[in-house]
Amino acid sequence: MATINELIDLIDNTELRARFQDAVNQMNKQKKFGLVFEEHQPECTPLYNIPVRRESIVALKSGKVSETYVVLEINGDKAICFYKDGENAVEFPVSDLVCVAKFGDAIYPYTSRSGSMTVCNALSAPIS
């Protein structure tokens, strides 16, 4: 921001300089520049290539990724899940679910060959 203020100081027209300075001051109040980590930490990351299994942490593909469920049981193409509060069981089609890694969970990246291109994937647990 120091460079912008130095450039504004080079403007000879005092009215124009004041207008630019007001616009920059207003912009500084609304927008933070640079990397701002302290305001938000990601809660969950969807892992689309991970198969849904018993005890997986999942979210609905069409819902918010932060609204997670734990898979209690899989019956065919249906998954019985508990909401994160652990009290209410609900049933979803497995195809509507995506595995989720919560903030701080270990994710193990790997690459695999798919046809003629290399695909980057992630596992929520190490390959055994």
C-alpha atoms as a PDB file:
ATOM      1  CA  MET A   1       0.000   0.000   0.000  1.00  0.00           C
ATOM      2  CA  ALA A   2       2.978   2.303   0.494  1.00  0.00           C
ATOM      3  CA  THR A   3       3.612   2.339  -3.261  1.00  0.00           C
ATOM      4  CA  ILE A   4       0.023   3.390  -4.000  1.00  0.00           C
ATOM      5  CA  ASN A   5       0.242   6.206  -1.455  1.00  0.00           C
ATOM      6  CA  GLU A   6       3.569   7.351  -2.949  1.00  0.00           C
ATOM      7  CA  LEU A   7       1.999   7.414  -6.414  1.00  0.00           C
ATOM      8  CA  ILE A   8      -0.990   9.382  -5.115  1.00  0.00           C
ATOM      9  CA  ASP A   9       1.435  11.942  -3.638  1.00  0.00           C
ATOM     10  CA  LEU A  10       2.854  12.502  -7.144  1.00  0.00           C
ATOM     11  CA  ILE A  11      -0.516  13.796  -8.445  1.00  0.00           C
ATOM     12  CA  ASP A  12      -0.281  17.576  -8.885  1.00  0.00           C
ATOM     13  CA  ASN A  13      -4.015  18.286  -8.927  1.00  0.00           C
ATOM     14  CA  THR A  14      -5.010  18.533  -5.235  1.00  0.00           C
ATOM     15  CA  GLU A  15      -8.681  17.731  -5.874  1.00  0.00           C
ATOM     16  CA  LEU A  16      -7.827  14.618  -7.899  1.00  0.00           C
ATOM     17  CA  ARG A  17      -5.225  13.554  -5.303  1.00  0.00           C
ATOM     18  CA  ALA A  18      -7.830  13.863  -2.512  1.00  0.00           C
ATOM     19  CA  ARG A  19     -10.378  11.844  -4.498  1.00  0.00           C
ATOM     20  CA  PHE A  20      -7.851   9.059  -5.133  1.00  0.00           C
ATOM     21  CA  GLN A  21      -6.787   9.054  -1.473  1.00  0.00           C
ATOM     22  CA  ASP A  22     -10.432   8.810  -0.346  1.00  0.00           C
ATOM     23  CA  ALA A  23     -11.059   5.916  -2.750  1.00  0.00           C
ATOM     24  CA  VAL A  24      -7.957   4.045  -1.516  1.00  0.00           C
ATOM     25  CA  ASN A  25      -8.896   4.645   2.130  1.00  0.00           C
ATOM     26  CA  GLN A  26     -12.405   3.344   1.510  1.00  0.00           C
ATOM     27  CA  MET A  27     -11.011   0.292  -0.304  1.00  0.00           C
ATOM     28  CA  ASN A  28      -8.631  -0.427   2.585  1.00  0.00           C
ATOM     29  CA  LYS A  29     -11.571  -0.533   4.985  1.00  0.00           C
ATOM     30  CA  GLN A  30     -13.475  -3.046   2.833  1.00  0.00           C
ATOM     31  CA  LYS A  31     -10.815  -5.362   1.464  1.00  0.00           C
ATOM     32  CA  LYS A  32      -7.764  -6.918   3.047  1.00  0.00           C
ATOM     33  CA  PHE A  33      -4.795  -7.412   0.803  1.00  0.00           C
ATOM     34  CA  GLY A  34      -2.391 -10.335   0.874  1.00  0.00           C
ATOM     35  CA  LEU A  35      -2.869 -13.729   2.472  1.00  0.00           C
ATOM     36  CA  VAL A  36      -5.312 -13.708   5.381  1.00  0.00           C
ATOM     37  CA  PHE A  37      -5.274 -17.042   7.227  1.00  0.00           C
ATOM     38  CA  GLU A  38      -6.648 -16.095  10.615  1.00  0.00           C
ATOM     39  CA  GLU A  39     -10.184 -15.340   9.433  1.00  0.00           C
ATOM     40  CA  HIS A  40     -11.213 -18.773   8.201  1.00  0.00           C
ATOM     41  CA  GLN A  41      -9.908 -22.277   8.420  1.00  0.00           C
ATOM     42  CA  PRO A  42     -11.443 -24.874   6.123  1.00  0.00           C
ATOM     43  CA  GLU A  43     -13.632 -27.253   8.069  1.00  0.00           C
ATOM     44  CA  CYS A  44     -13.849 -30.136   5.610  1.00  0.00           C
ATOM     45  CA  THR A  45     -12.470 -31.221   2.254  1.00  0.00           C
ATOM     46  CA  PRO A  46     -14.415 -33.572  -0.036  1.00  0.00           C
ATOM     47  CA  LEU A  47     -12.447 -36.619  -1.264  1.00  0.00           C
ATOM     48  CA  TYR A  48     -14.314 -37.653  -4.391  1.00  0.00           C
ATOM     49  CA  ASN A  49     -12.109 -40.656  -5.274  1.00  0.00           C
ATOM     50  CA  ILE A  50     -12.493 -42.407  -1.916  1.00  0.00           C
ATOM     51  CA  PRO A  51     -15.120 -45.170  -1.772  1.00  0.00           C
ATOM     52  CA  VAL A  52     -17.780 -44.800   0.922  1.00  0.00           C
ATOM     53  CA  ARG A  53     -17.326 -47.494   3.568  1.00  0.00           C
ATOM     54  CA  ARG A  54     -18.596 -48.297   7.033  1.00  0.00           C
ATOM     55  CA  GLU A  55     -17.421 -45.677   9.597  1.00  0.00           C
ATOM     56  CA  SER A  56     -16.483 -43.197   6.831  1.00  0.00           C
ATOM     57  CA  ILE A  57     -17.151 -39.532   7.472  1.00  0.00           C
ATOM     58  CA  VAL A  58     -19.325 -38.374   4.587  1.00  0.00           C
ATOM     59  CA  ALA A  59     -21.379 -35.443   3.347  1.00  0.00           C
ATOM     60  CA  LEU A  60     -24.072 -35.131   0.734  1.00  0.00           C
ATOM     61  CA  LYS A  61     -22.686 -34.201  -2.689  1.00  0.00           C
ATOM     62  CA  SER A  62     -25.528 -31.734  -3.129  1.00  0.00           C
ATOM     63  CA  GLY A  63     -25.278 -30.299   0.399  1.00  0.00           C
ATOM     64  CA  LYS A  64     -22.757 -28.409   2.478  1.00  0.00           C
ATOM     65  CA  VAL A  65     -19.503 -30.293   2.909  1.00  0.00           C
ATOM     66  CA  SER A  66     -19.391 -29.178   6.566  1.00  0.00           C
ATOM     67  CA  GLU A  67     -22.631 -31.059   7.353  1.00  0.00           C
ATOM     68  CA  THR A  68     -21.106 -34.458   7.963  1.00  0.00           C
ATOM     69  CA  TYR A  69     -22.439 -37.903   8.773  1.00  0.00           C
ATOM     70  CA  VAL A  70     -20.799 -41.129   9.934  1.00  0.00           C
ATOM     71  CA  VAL A  71     -21.695 -44.244   7.952  1.00  0.00           C
ATOM     72  CA  LEU A  72     -23.075 -46.881  10.290  1.00  0.00           C
ATOM     73  CA  GLU A  73     -23.931 -49.537   7.728  1.00  0.00           C
ATOM     74  CA  ILE A  74     -24.143 -50.039   3.966  1.00  0.00           C
ATOM     75  CA  ASN A  75     -26.967 -52.164   2.564  1.00  0.00           C
ATOM     76  CA  GLY A  76     -26.585 -52.542  -1.191  1.00  0.00           C
ATOM     77  CA  ASP A  77     -26.782 -49.059  -2.665  1.00  0.00           C
ATOM     78  CA  LYS A  78     -28.114 -47.441   0.555  1.00  0.00           C
ATOM     79  CA  ALA A  79     -26.053 -46.112   3.470  1.00  0.00           C
ATOM     80  CA  ILE A  80     -27.429 -45.739   6.984  1.00  0.00           C
ATOM     81  CA  CYS A  81     -25.717 -42.745   8.559  1.00  0.00           C
ATOM     82  CA  PHE A  82     -25.687 -40.890  11.844  1.00  0.00           C
ATOM     83  CA  TYR A  83     -25.631 -37.116  11.794  1.00  0.00           C
ATOM     84  CA  LYS A  84     -22.607 -35.723  13.615  1.00  0.00           C
ATOM     85  CA  ASP A  85     -24.683 -35.391  16.816  1.00  0.00           C
ATOM     86  CA  GLY A  86     -24.902 -39.206  16.815  1.00  0.00           C
ATOM     87  CA  GLU A  87     -28.608 -39.408  17.650  1.00  0.00           C
ATOM     88  CA  ASN A  88     -30.615 -39.500  14.429  1.00  0.00           C
ATOM     89  CA  ALA A  89     -30.028 -42.228  11.837  1.00  0.00           C
ATOM     90  CA  VAL A  90     -30.832 -41.358   8.218  1.00  0.00           C
ATOM     91  CA  GLU A  91     -30.590 -43.328   4.985  1.00  0.00           C
ATOM     92  CA  PHE A  92     -29.031 -42.025   1.766  1.00  0.00           C
ATOM     93  CA  PRO A  93     -28.134 -43.568  -1.583  1.00  0.00           C
ATOM     94  CA  VAL A  94     -24.377 -44.249  -1.558  1.00  0.00           C
ATOM     95  CA  SER A  95     -24.111 -42.418  -4.909  1.00  0.00           C
ATOM     96  CA  ASP A  96     -25.265 -39.189  -3.195  1.00  0.00           C
ATOM     97  CA  LEU A  97     -22.431 -39.284  -0.630  1.00  0.00           C
ATOM     98  CA  VAL A  98     -18.821 -38.131  -0.742  1.00  0.00           C
ATOM     99  CA  CYS A  99     -16.123 -38.985   1.806  1.00  0.00           C
ATOM    100  CA  VAL A 100     -14.845 -36.002   3.764  1.00  0.00           C
ATOM    101  CA  ALA A 101     -11.592 -35.204   5.546  1.00  0.00           C
ATOM    102  CA  LYS A 102     -12.007 -32.816   8.457  1.00  0.00           C
ATOM    103  CA  PHE A 103      -9.520 -30.033   9.114  1.00  0.00           C
ATOM    104  CA  GLY A 104      -6.423 -31.584  10.643  1.00  0.00           C
ATOM    105  CA  ASP A 105      -7.094 -35.132   9.359  1.00  0.00           C
ATOM    106  CA  ALA A 106      -4.209 -36.735   7.517  1.00  0.00           C
ATOM    107  CA  ILE A 107      -4.618 -36.988   3.743  1.00  0.00           C
ATOM    108  CA  TYR A 108      -2.178 -39.146   1.797  1.00  0.00           C
ATOM    109  CA  PRO A 109      -1.816 -38.021  -1.829  1.00  0.00           C
ATOM    110  CA  TYR A 110      -0.852 -40.464  -4.552  1.00  0.00           C
ATOM    111  CA  THR A 111      -0.880 -40.631  -8.308  1.00  0.00           C
ATOM    112  CA  SER A 112      -2.313 -43.339 -10.486  1.00  0.00           C
ATOM    113  CA  ARG A 113      -2.347 -43.917 -14.216  1.00  0.00           C
ATOM    114  CA  SER A 114      -5.754 -43.679 -15.835  1.00  0.00           C
ATOM    115  CA  GLY A 115      -5.622 -44.406 -19.558  1.00  0.00           C
ATOM    116  CA  SER A 116      -3.027 -42.064 -20.999  1.00  0.00           C
ATOM    117  CA  MET A 117      -2.910 -39.489 -18.206  1.00  0.00           C
ATOM    118  CA  THR A 118      -1.776 -39.431 -14.598  1.00  0.00           C
ATOM    119  CA  VAL A 119      -4.471 -38.613 -12.055  1.00  0.00           C
ATOM    120  CA  CYS A 120      -3.797 -37.122  -8.631  1.00  0.00           C
ATOM    121  CA  ASN A 121      -5.871 -38.712  -5.872  1.00  0.00           C
ATOM    122  CA  ALA A 122      -6.006 -38.602  -2.087  1.00  0.00           C
ATOM    123  CA  LEU A 123      -6.646 -41.165   0.599  1.00  0.00           C
ATOM    124  CA  SER A 124      -8.002 -40.409   4.025  1.00  0.00           C
ATOM    125  CA  ALA A 125      -6.016 -43.335   5.442  1.00  0.00           C
ATOM    126  CA  PRO A 126      -2.722 -44.884   4.377  1.00  0.00           C
ATOM    127  CA  ILE A 127      -2.761 -47.780   1.941  1.00  0.00           C
ATOM    128  CA  SER A 128      -2.206 -51.014   3.857  1.00  0.00           C
END
